[in-house]
Amino acid sequence: MFVHSANPVLMILVAVSGCAGNAASSASTDDAVPATMPHAPPGTGGVMPPPGDAEKAIRDQYVEAVKQNTVAAYQLFISRYPDHPLASDAEKRLDSVLGSPRR
């Protein structure tokens, strides 16, 4: 294709209108949102997943601390969740790792 003789204004119009090829039309169909996808609440920037189970997340972190069985793991759990019922269990396990009660 000999580009130098083409009208620059015409080239811009062709590029803007999407007539330059099938790239614009194929991209729009590939990126289309499925009709079954729910709409996001205004101002959220996208579809938000449902909130997670906070209690399960805390229990999972406790299980991980027990797996690690280290002073640092128990101290981290206790510092994050000092009022949680599992914090007293973590304190007992921490005392065991340290070899004596902390009080």
Protein backbone atom coordinates (compact mmCIF):
# COMPACT_ATOMS: atom_id res chain seq x y z
CA MET A 1 0.00 0.00 0.00
CA PHE A 2 1.34 3.40 -0.96
CA VAL A 3 0.66 5.66 2.07
CA HIS A 4 2.42 8.89 1.07
CA SER A 5 -0.24 9.93 -1.45
CA ALA A 6 -3.17 9.32 0.91
CA ASN A 7 -5.00 12.27 2.37
CA PRO A 8 -4.00 12.64 6.08
CA VAL A 9 -7.51 13.77 7.04
CA LEU A 10 -9.00 10.73 5.35
CA MET A 11 -6.55 8.46 7.17
CA ILE A 12 -7.57 9.99 10.52
CA LEU A 13 -11.26 9.54 9.73
CA VAL A 14 -10.72 5.93 8.76
CA ALA A 15 -8.76 5.25 11.96
CA VAL A 16 -11.31 6.99 14.19
CA SER A 17 -14.33 5.36 12.57
CA GLY A 18 -12.92 1.87 12.91
CA CYS A 19 -13.11 1.19 9.19
CA ALA A 20 -9.43 0.32 9.03
CA GLY A 21 -10.12 -3.34 9.63
CA ASN A 22 -11.84 -5.87 11.83
CA ALA A 23 -9.69 -5.21 14.89
CA ALA A 24 -12.21 -2.84 16.47
CA SER A 25 -15.22 -5.05 15.80
CA SER A 26 -13.56 -8.25 17.05
CA ALA A 27 -12.30 -6.54 20.22
CA SER A 28 -15.74 -5.27 21.10
CA THR A 29 -17.35 -8.71 20.84
CA ASP A 30 -14.57 -10.45 22.79
CA ASP A 31 -14.64 -7.91 25.61
CA ALA A 32 -18.42 -7.75 25.88
CA VAL A 33 -19.94 -8.35 29.31
CA PRO A 34 -22.16 -11.45 29.40
CA ALA A 35 -25.87 -10.73 29.70
CA THR A 36 -26.07 -12.85 32.86
CA MET A 37 -23.45 -10.81 34.76
CA PRO A 38 -25.03 -8.70 37.52
CA HIS A 39 -24.57 -4.97 37.47
CA ALA A 40 -22.35 -3.38 40.08
CA PRO A 41 -23.78 -0.89 42.56
CA PRO A 42 -23.08 2.70 41.49
CA GLY A 43 -19.68 3.97 42.56
CA THR A 44 -18.13 0.55 43.21
CA GLY A 45 -16.10 0.36 40.03
CA GLY A 46 -17.12 -3.22 39.31
CA VAL A 47 -18.97 -6.25 40.55
CA MET A 48 -18.10 -6.81 44.19
CA PRO A 49 -17.83 -10.30 45.63
CA PRO A 50 -19.88 -11.06 48.71
CA PRO A 51 -18.10 -10.39 52.00
CA GLY A 52 -16.09 -13.25 53.41
CA ASP A 53 -16.70 -15.08 56.66
CA ALA A 54 -14.67 -13.12 59.24
CA GLU A 55 -14.92 -15.83 61.91
CA LYS A 56 -13.63 -18.46 59.49
CA ALA A 57 -10.73 -16.18 58.54
CA ILE A 58 -9.77 -15.81 62.22
CA ARG A 59 -10.00 -19.57 62.81
CA ASP A 60 -7.88 -20.19 59.71
CA GLN A 61 -5.22 -17.81 61.04
CA TYR A 62 -5.28 -19.62 64.39
CA VAL A 63 -4.82 -22.98 62.63
CA GLU A 64 -1.87 -21.51 60.73
CA ALA A 65 -0.32 -20.26 63.98
CA VAL A 66 -0.69 -23.74 65.48
CA LYS A 67 0.92 -25.28 62.39
CA GLN A 68 3.87 -22.90 62.66
CA ASN A 69 4.00 -23.37 66.46
CA THR A 70 6.37 -20.42 66.89
CA VAL A 71 6.51 -17.55 69.36
CA ALA A 72 6.11 -15.06 66.49
CA ALA A 73 3.03 -16.80 65.08
CA TYR A 74 1.24 -16.92 68.43
CA GLN A 75 2.20 -13.34 69.30
CA LEU A 76 0.90 -12.12 65.96
CA PHE A 77 -2.42 -13.92 66.43
CA ILE A 78 -2.81 -12.59 69.99
CA SER A 79 -1.96 -9.04 68.90
CA ARG A 80 -4.49 -9.15 66.07
CA TYR A 81 -7.34 -10.76 68.04
CA PRO A 82 -6.76 -10.10 71.76
CA ASP A 83 -10.47 -10.37 72.63
CA HIS A 84 -11.22 -13.47 70.57
CA PRO A 85 -11.86 -16.72 72.49
CA LEU A 86 -8.99 -18.41 70.62
CA ALA A 87 -6.55 -15.79 71.97
CA SER A 88 -6.53 -17.54 75.37
CA ASP A 89 -5.71 -20.84 73.66
CA ALA A 90 -2.96 -19.08 71.69
CA GLU A 91 -1.59 -17.68 74.98
CA LYS A 92 -1.48 -21.19 76.48
CA ARG A 93 0.31 -22.51 73.41
CA LEU A 94 2.70 -19.55 73.51
CA ASP A 95 3.49 -20.33 77.16
CA SER A 96 4.17 -23.93 76.15
CA VAL A 97 6.54 -22.85 73.38
CA LEU A 98 8.31 -20.46 75.74
CA GLY A 99 8.56 -23.17 78.40
CA SER A 100 6.93 -21.15 81.19
CA PRO A 101 3.90 -18.95 81.83
CA ARG A 102 4.33 -15.32 80.75
CA ARG A 103 2.62 -13.78 83.80
